[in-house]
Amino acid sequence: RRIATAIDNSFLFRETRRSEALLDTLFATAPIGLGFWDRDLRFVRVNRALADMNGLEPEEHVGRTLEEVLPELASKIVDVYRRVLATGEPAHDIDAYGETPAAPGVRRSWLGSYYPVRDPEGEVVGMGAVVLETTDRRRADQRLRVQYAVTRILAEAATAADALPQTLEAIAQLFDWDVGAYWRPGPGTDEASCEFIYAATGLEAFADATLGHRVRRGVS
């Protein structure tokens, strides 16, 4: 009987180790971002896909806060993380937009689902996330919407001059630009003047100052 028990324990140990190895492999090689945080929102573990999105090595995340790793993006998603920890309820299909150290100055987008991680007693000890980068898909959707909008504007406008301001506004809004401007070059000169400008709310003063402004090639 002792021999049978020892064999059973050995089998269970091997199966446990095998399952852990499979989970580690899945975590490391998954094509989507996977991560875990403690209750203080410090990184515990991330896989290669999420690390690449953030622009750091996986081990460089460990022990650091969300604000330390993603200073530009953290303020936009930290409330979701805190809500999951406070309520113990998951948050599904959350859109996020911003920049990461992986591509400074480039606006990117992600779709994430966040869930509580519990200990054997059921207490929430942290949270996990599954993150998919949607930047390329979103850009493709934006291009299709721009093509449709511009086609409709050109079909309905009486003249090209009527279509230009509407086209500029449609492109700027669909691509989330704060400002878009059309500069018409002067005939036979190196100068151009701002003929049309679109500006998001709050930038009206900038638009007023730019409209009609003239610039010369090679001179800011």
C-alpha atoms as a PDB file:
ATOM      1  CA  ARG A   1       0.000   0.000   0.000  1.00  0.00           C
ATOM      2  CA  ARG A   2       2.842   2.393   0.815  1.00  0.00           C
ATOM      3  CA  ILE A   3       4.402   1.591  -2.560  1.00  0.00           C
ATOM      4  CA  ALA A   4       1.095   2.348  -4.333  1.00  0.00           C
ATOM      5  CA  THR A   5       0.757   5.630  -2.463  1.00  0.00           C
ATOM      6  CA  ALA A   6       4.318   6.585  -3.346  1.00  0.00           C
ATOM      7  CA  ILE A   7       3.666   5.807  -7.008  1.00  0.00           C
ATOM      8  CA  ASP A   8       0.460   7.861  -6.962  1.00  0.00           C
ATOM      9  CA  ASN A   9       2.266  10.796  -5.349  1.00  0.00           C
ATOM     10  CA  SER A  10       5.101  10.555  -7.857  1.00  0.00           C
ATOM     11  CA  PHE A  11       2.593  10.515 -10.714  1.00  0.00           C
ATOM     12  CA  LEU A  12       0.729  13.533  -9.310  1.00  0.00           C
ATOM     13  CA  PHE A  13       4.020  15.398  -8.856  1.00  0.00           C
ATOM     14  CA  ARG A  14       5.061  14.722 -12.459  1.00  0.00           C
ATOM     15  CA  GLU A  15       1.643  15.757 -13.761  1.00  0.00           C
ATOM     16  CA  THR A  16       1.727  18.930 -11.702  1.00  0.00           C
ATOM     17  CA  ARG A  17       5.176  19.816 -13.001  1.00  0.00           C
ATOM     18  CA  ARG A  18       4.052  19.015 -16.536  1.00  0.00           C
ATOM     19  CA  SER A  19       0.967  21.231 -16.194  1.00  0.00           C
ATOM     20  CA  GLU A  20       3.078  24.076 -14.797  1.00  0.00           C
ATOM     21  CA  ALA A  21       5.523  23.752 -17.685  1.00  0.00           C
ATOM     22  CA  LEU A  22       2.672  23.849 -20.196  1.00  0.00           C
ATOM     23  CA  LEU A  23       1.183  26.938 -18.536  1.00  0.00           C
ATOM     24  CA  ASP A  24       4.593  28.644 -18.501  1.00  0.00           C
ATOM     25  CA  THR A  25       5.052  27.880 -22.193  1.00  0.00           C
ATOM     26  CA  LEU A  26       1.573  29.162 -23.027  1.00  0.00           C
ATOM     27  CA  PHE A  27       2.164  32.329 -21.007  1.00  0.00           C
ATOM     28  CA  ALA A  28       5.543  32.997 -22.604  1.00  0.00           C
ATOM     29  CA  THR A  29       4.553  32.332 -26.221  1.00  0.00           C
ATOM     30  CA  ALA A  30       0.969  33.633 -26.363  1.00  0.00           C
ATOM     31  CA  PRO A  31       0.553  36.138 -29.230  1.00  0.00           C
ATOM     32  CA  ILE A  32      -1.522  38.446 -27.019  1.00  0.00           C
ATOM     33  CA  GLY A  33      -0.395  40.423 -23.972  1.00  0.00           C
ATOM     34  CA  LEU A  34      -0.754  38.721 -20.596  1.00  0.00           C
ATOM     35  CA  GLY A  35       0.116  40.303 -17.261  1.00  0.00           C
ATOM     36  CA  PHE A  36      -0.371  40.129 -13.499  1.00  0.00           C
ATOM     37  CA  TRP A  37      -0.317  42.902 -10.877  1.00  0.00           C
ATOM     38  CA  ASP A  38      -0.456  42.873  -7.073  1.00  0.00           C
ATOM     39  CA  ARG A  39      -2.890  44.939  -5.006  1.00  0.00           C
ATOM     40  CA  ASP A  40      -0.529  47.917  -5.137  1.00  0.00           C
ATOM     41  CA  LEU A  41      -0.665  47.719  -8.928  1.00  0.00           C
ATOM     42  CA  ARG A  42       2.944  46.674  -9.188  1.00  0.00           C
ATOM     43  CA  PHE A  43       3.845  44.366 -12.022  1.00  0.00           C
ATOM     44  CA  VAL A  44       4.307  40.754 -10.921  1.00  0.00           C
ATOM     45  CA  ARG A  45       4.730  39.116 -14.294  1.00  0.00           C
ATOM     46  CA  VAL A  46       4.223  39.913 -17.986  1.00  0.00           C
ATOM     47  CA  ASN A  47       4.753  37.840 -21.096  1.00  0.00           C
ATOM     48  CA  ARG A  48       6.883  38.755 -24.084  1.00  0.00           C
ATOM     49  CA  ALA A  49       3.941  40.107 -26.125  1.00  0.00           C
ATOM     50  CA  LEU A  50       2.917  42.610 -23.435  1.00  0.00           C
ATOM     51  CA  ALA A  51       6.539  43.536 -22.757  1.00  0.00           C
ATOM     52  CA  ASP A  52       7.030  44.344 -26.448  1.00  0.00           C
ATOM     53  CA  MET A  53       3.924  46.543 -26.423  1.00  0.00           C
ATOM     54  CA  ASN A  54       5.352  48.458 -23.460  1.00  0.00           C
ATOM     55  CA  GLY A  55       8.896  48.714 -24.811  1.00  0.00           C
ATOM     56  CA  LEU A  56      10.659  46.998 -21.887  1.00  0.00           C
ATOM     57  CA  GLU A  57      12.016  43.531 -21.180  1.00  0.00           C
ATOM     58  CA  PRO A  58       9.646  41.308 -19.132  1.00  0.00           C
ATOM     59  CA  GLU A  59      11.960  41.322 -16.100  1.00  0.00           C
ATOM     60  CA  GLU A  60      12.194  45.127 -16.206  1.00  0.00           C
ATOM     61  CA  HIS A  61       8.494  45.325 -15.307  1.00  0.00           C
ATOM     62  CA  VAL A  62       8.648  43.331 -12.082  1.00  0.00           C
ATOM     63  CA  GLY A  63       8.087  45.390  -8.936  1.00  0.00           C
ATOM     64  CA  ARG A  64       7.391  48.618 -10.798  1.00  0.00           C
ATOM     65  CA  THR A  65       4.086  50.494 -10.782  1.00  0.00           C
ATOM     66  CA  LEU A  66       1.880  51.177 -13.745  1.00  0.00           C
ATOM     67  CA  GLU A  67       2.860  54.866 -13.614  1.00  0.00           C
ATOM     68  CA  GLU A  68       6.559  53.999 -13.674  1.00  0.00           C
ATOM     69  CA  VAL A  69       6.286  51.735 -16.709  1.00  0.00           C
ATOM     70  CA  LEU A  70       3.606  53.581 -18.678  1.00  0.00           C
ATOM     71  CA  PRO A  71       3.630  57.211 -17.513  1.00  0.00           C
ATOM     72  CA  GLU A  72       1.596  58.546 -20.457  1.00  0.00           C
ATOM     73  CA  LEU A  73      -0.980  55.756 -20.499  1.00  0.00           C
ATOM     74  CA  ALA A  74      -1.388  54.930 -16.806  1.00  0.00           C
ATOM     75  CA  SER A  75      -3.802  57.746 -15.947  1.00  0.00           C
ATOM     76  CA  LYS A  76      -6.192  56.550 -18.656  1.00  0.00           C
ATOM     77  CA  ILE A  77      -6.522  52.966 -17.405  1.00  0.00           C
ATOM     78  CA  VAL A  78      -5.633  52.961 -13.714  1.00  0.00           C
ATOM     79  CA  ASP A  79      -9.263  53.526 -12.653  1.00  0.00           C
ATOM     80  CA  VAL A  80     -10.247  50.286 -14.403  1.00  0.00           C
ATOM     81  CA  TYR A  81      -7.518  48.388 -12.524  1.00  0.00           C
ATOM     82  CA  ARG A  82      -8.605  49.851  -9.177  1.00  0.00           C
ATOM     83  CA  ARG A  83     -12.257  49.041  -9.840  1.00  0.00           C
ATOM     84  CA  VAL A  84     -11.438  45.389 -10.539  1.00  0.00           C
ATOM     85  CA  LEU A  85      -9.471  45.166  -7.278  1.00  0.00           C
ATOM     86  CA  ALA A  86     -12.150  46.973  -5.253  1.00  0.00           C
ATOM     87  CA  THR A  87     -15.190  45.105  -6.572  1.00  0.00           C
ATOM     88  CA  GLY A  88     -13.692  41.734  -7.447  1.00  0.00           C
ATOM     89  CA  GLU A  89     -15.547  41.929 -10.748  1.00  0.00           C
ATOM     90  CA  PRO A  90     -13.877  41.625 -14.171  1.00  0.00           C
ATOM     91  CA  ALA A  91     -13.901  44.415 -16.763  1.00  0.00           C
ATOM     92  CA  HIS A  92     -14.216  43.271 -20.349  1.00  0.00           C
ATOM     93  CA  ASP A  93     -13.323  44.855 -23.708  1.00  0.00           C
ATOM     94  CA  ILE A  94     -11.878  48.139 -22.441  1.00  0.00           C
ATOM     95  CA  ASP A  95     -10.435  50.398 -25.156  1.00  0.00           C
ATOM     96  CA  ALA A  96      -7.257  52.341 -24.396  1.00  0.00           C
ATOM     97  CA  TYR A  97      -5.378  54.878 -26.513  1.00  0.00           C
ATOM     98  CA  GLY A  98      -2.014  56.509 -26.029  1.00  0.00           C
ATOM     99  CA  GLU A  99       1.746  56.102 -26.230  1.00  0.00           C
ATOM    100  CA  THR A 100       4.221  53.680 -24.663  1.00  0.00           C
ATOM    101  CA  PRO A 101       8.029  53.710 -24.505  1.00  0.00           C
ATOM    102  CA  ALA A 102       7.993  51.153 -27.335  1.00  0.00           C
ATOM    103  CA  ALA A 103       7.031  53.893 -29.811  1.00  0.00           C
ATOM    104  CA  PRO A 104       7.279  57.407 -28.346  1.00  0.00           C
ATOM    105  CA  GLY A 105       5.123  59.940 -30.164  1.00  0.00           C
ATOM    106  CA  VAL A 106       3.023  57.254 -31.883  1.00  0.00           C
ATOM    107  CA  ARG A 107      -0.632  57.047 -30.861  1.00  0.00           C
ATOM    108  CA  ARG A 108      -1.629  53.400 -30.518  1.00  0.00           C
ATOM    109  CA  SER A 109      -4.726  51.512 -29.377  1.00  0.00           C
ATOM    110  CA  TRP A 110      -5.421  48.400 -27.321  1.00  0.00           C
ATOM    111  CA  LEU A 111      -8.388  46.284 -26.267  1.00  0.00           C
ATOM    112  CA  GLY A 112      -8.042  44.796 -22.792  1.00  0.00           C
ATOM    113  CA  SER A 113      -9.974  42.573 -20.397  1.00  0.00           C
ATOM    114  CA  TYR A 114      -9.105  42.638 -16.697  1.00  0.00           C
ATOM    115  CA  TYR A 115      -9.978  40.119 -13.979  1.00  0.00           C
ATOM    116  CA  PRO A 116      -9.356  39.623 -10.245  1.00  0.00           C
ATOM    117  CA  VAL A 117      -6.804  37.046  -9.058  1.00  0.00           C
ATOM    118  CA  ARG A 118      -7.835  35.279  -5.838  1.00  0.00           C
ATOM    119  CA  ASP A 119      -6.011  33.180  -3.244  1.00  0.00           C
ATOM    120  CA  PRO A 120      -7.341  29.776  -2.087  1.00  0.00           C
ATOM    121  CA  GLU A 121      -9.548  31.538   0.500  1.00  0.00           C
ATOM    122  CA  GLY A 122     -11.168  33.666  -2.205  1.00  0.00           C
ATOM    123  CA  GLU A 123      -9.496  36.941  -1.275  1.00  0.00           C
ATOM    124  CA  VAL A 124      -8.500  39.230  -4.141  1.00  0.00           C
ATOM    125  CA  VAL A 125      -4.700  39.385  -4.067  1.00  0.00           C
ATOM    126  CA  GLY A 126      -4.137  41.057  -7.430  1.00  0.00           C
ATOM    127  CA  MET A 127      -5.395  41.236 -10.968  1.00  0.00           C
ATOM    128  CA  GLY A 128      -4.609  39.901 -14.388  1.00  0.00           C
ATOM    129  CA  ALA A 129      -5.064  41.255 -17.888  1.00  0.00           C
ATOM    130  CA  VAL A 130      -5.393  40.029 -21.430  1.00  0.00           C
ATOM    131  CA  VAL A 131      -4.418  42.772 -23.895  1.00  0.00           C
ATOM    132  CA  LEU A 132      -4.680  42.873 -27.678  1.00  0.00           C
ATOM    133  CA  GLU A 133      -3.107  45.666 -29.707  1.00  0.00           C
ATOM    134  CA  THR A 134      -5.653  47.025 -32.199  1.00  0.00           C
ATOM    135  CA  THR A 135      -3.608  49.841 -33.737  1.00  0.00           C
ATOM    136  CA  ASP A 136      -3.368  48.362 -37.254  1.00  0.00           C
ATOM    137  CA  ARG A 137      -7.027  47.310 -37.316  1.00  0.00           C
ATOM    138  CA  ARG A 138      -8.136  50.711 -36.074  1.00  0.00           C
ATOM    139  CA  ARG A 139      -6.036  52.483 -38.705  1.00  0.00           C
ATOM    140  CA  ALA A 140      -7.529  50.289 -41.437  1.00  0.00           C
ATOM    141  CA  ASP A 141     -11.031  51.122 -40.174  1.00  0.00           C
ATOM    142  CA  GLN A 142     -10.134  54.817 -40.114  1.00  0.00           C
ATOM    143  CA  ARG A 143      -8.876  54.717 -43.714  1.00  0.00           C
ATOM    144  CA  LEU A 144     -12.110  53.107 -44.883  1.00  0.00           C
ATOM    145  CA  ARG A 145     -14.193  55.724 -43.046  1.00  0.00           C
ATOM    146  CA  VAL A 146     -12.070  58.527 -44.520  1.00  0.00           C
ATOM    147  CA  GLN A 147     -12.473  57.133 -48.037  1.00  0.00           C
ATOM    148  CA  TYR A 148     -16.236  56.937 -47.593  1.00  0.00           C
ATOM    149  CA  ALA A 149     -16.483  60.418 -46.068  1.00  0.00           C
ATOM    150  CA  VAL A 150     -14.325  62.071 -48.744  1.00  0.00           C
ATOM    151  CA  THR A 151     -16.208  60.311 -51.554  1.00  0.00           C
ATOM    152  CA  ARG A 152     -19.523  61.542 -50.150  1.00  0.00           C
ATOM    153  CA  ILE A 153     -18.211  65.111 -49.704  1.00  0.00           C
ATOM    154  CA  LEU A 154     -16.852  65.277 -53.260  1.00  0.00           C
ATOM    155  CA  ALA A 155     -20.093  63.895 -54.666  1.00  0.00           C
ATOM    156  CA  GLU A 156     -22.226  66.456 -52.834  1.00  0.00           C
ATOM    157  CA  ALA A 157     -20.001  69.569 -53.070  1.00  0.00           C
ATOM    158  CA  ALA A 158     -20.712  72.057 -55.841  1.00  0.00           C
ATOM    159  CA  THR A 159     -17.039  73.011 -56.282  1.00  0.00           C
ATOM    160  CA  ALA A 160     -13.603  71.847 -55.136  1.00  0.00           C
ATOM    161  CA  ALA A 161     -13.365  74.962 -52.986  1.00  0.00           C
ATOM    162  CA  ASP A 162     -16.524  73.893 -51.154  1.00  0.00           C
ATOM    163  CA  ALA A 163     -15.185  70.368 -50.674  1.00  0.00           C
ATOM    164  CA  LEU A 164     -11.773  71.289 -49.257  1.00  0.00           C
ATOM    165  CA  PRO A 165     -12.817  72.536 -45.772  1.00  0.00           C
ATOM    166  CA  GLN A 166     -15.245  69.647 -45.309  1.00  0.00           C
ATOM    167  CA  THR A 167     -12.654  67.104 -46.437  1.00  0.00           C
ATOM    168  CA  LEU A 168     -10.057  68.536 -44.085  1.00  0.00           C
ATOM    169  CA  GLU A 169     -12.484  68.433 -41.149  1.00  0.00           C
ATOM    170  CA  ALA A 170     -13.579  64.858 -41.916  1.00  0.00           C
ATOM    171  CA  ILE A 171      -9.988  63.599 -42.157  1.00  0.00           C
ATOM    172  CA  ALA A 172      -8.936  65.382 -38.963  1.00  0.00           C
ATOM    173  CA  GLN A 173     -11.882  64.069 -36.957  1.00  0.00           C
ATOM    174  CA  LEU A 174     -11.621  60.480 -38.214  1.00  0.00           C
ATOM    175  CA  PHE A 175      -7.883  60.335 -37.493  1.00  0.00           C
ATOM    176  CA  ASP A 176      -8.265  62.060 -34.100  1.00  0.00           C
ATOM    177  CA  TRP A 177      -6.096  65.022 -35.096  1.00  0.00           C
ATOM    178  CA  ASP A 178      -6.142  68.109 -32.910  1.00  0.00           C
ATOM    179  CA  VAL A 179      -5.325  70.367 -35.865  1.00  0.00           C
ATOM    180  CA  GLY A 180      -5.387  70.027 -39.635  1.00  0.00           C
ATOM    181  CA  ALA A 181      -4.489  72.765 -42.112  1.00  0.00           C
ATOM    182  CA  TYR A 182      -4.382  73.275 -45.874  1.00  0.00           C
ATOM    183  CA  TRP A 183      -1.581  75.528 -47.133  1.00  0.00           C
ATOM    184  CA  ARG A 184      -1.941  76.890 -50.668  1.00  0.00           C
ATOM    185  CA  PRO A 185       1.371  77.668 -52.416  1.00  0.00           C
ATOM    186  CA  GLY A 186       1.587  81.040 -54.102  1.00  0.00           C
ATOM    187  CA  PRO A 187       2.128  80.961 -57.880  1.00  0.00           C
ATOM    188  CA  GLY A 188       5.764  81.483 -58.803  1.00  0.00           C
ATOM    189  CA  THR A 189       6.873  81.999 -55.180  1.00  0.00           C
ATOM    190  CA  ASP A 190       8.342  79.997 -52.320  1.00  0.00           C
ATOM    191  CA  GLU A 191       5.514  81.082 -50.052  1.00  0.00           C
ATOM    192  CA  ALA A 192       2.317  79.373 -48.968  1.00  0.00           C
ATOM    193  CA  SER A 193      -0.626  80.670 -46.997  1.00  0.00           C
ATOM    194  CA  CYS A 194      -2.971  78.816 -44.657  1.00  0.00           C
ATOM    195  CA  GLU A 195      -6.282  78.799 -46.510  1.00  0.00           C
ATOM    196  CA  PHE A 196      -8.291  76.351 -44.389  1.00  0.00           C
ATOM    197  CA  ILE A 197      -7.774  75.044 -40.866  1.00  0.00           C
ATOM    198  CA  TYR A 198      -9.568  72.624 -38.582  1.00  0.00           C
ATOM    199  CA  ALA A 199      -8.951  72.755 -34.830  1.00  0.00           C
ATOM    200  CA  ALA A 200     -10.382  70.689 -32.012  1.00  0.00           C
ATOM    201  CA  THR A 201     -12.308  72.345 -29.200  1.00  0.00           C
ATOM    202  CA  GLY A 202     -10.010  74.512 -27.098  1.00  0.00           C
ATOM    203  CA  LEU A 203      -7.661  75.352 -29.960  1.00  0.00           C
ATOM    204  CA  GLU A 204      -9.766  78.045 -31.587  1.00  0.00           C
ATOM    205  CA  ALA A 205      -7.261  80.784 -30.748  1.00  0.00           C
ATOM    206  CA  PHE A 206      -4.480  78.836 -32.436  1.00  0.00           C
ATOM    207  CA  ALA A 207      -6.667  78.343 -35.504  1.00  0.00           C
ATOM    208  CA  ASP A 208      -7.516  82.047 -35.684  1.00  0.00           C
ATOM    209  CA  ALA A 209      -3.832  82.980 -35.448  1.00  0.00           C
ATOM    210  CA  THR A 210      -2.819  80.456 -38.122  1.00  0.00           C
ATOM    211  CA  LEU A 211      -5.539  81.094 -40.696  1.00  0.00           C
ATOM    212  CA  GLY A 212      -4.159  83.372 -43.411  1.00  0.00           C
ATOM    213  CA  HIS A 213      -0.618  83.099 -42.066  1.00  0.00           C
ATOM    214  CA  ARG A 214       2.115  82.964 -44.715  1.00  0.00           C
ATOM    215  CA  VAL A 215       5.272  80.893 -44.574  1.00  0.00           C
ATOM    216  CA  ARG A 216       8.294  80.616 -46.848  1.00  0.00           C
ATOM    217  CA  ARG A 217      10.049  77.394 -47.813  1.00  0.00           C
ATOM    218  CA  GLY A 218      12.946  76.677 -45.497  1.00  0.00           C
ATOM    219  CA  VAL A 219      11.815  79.302 -42.992  1.00  0.00           C
ATOM    220  CA  SER A 220       9.684  78.307 -39.994  1.00  0.00           C
END
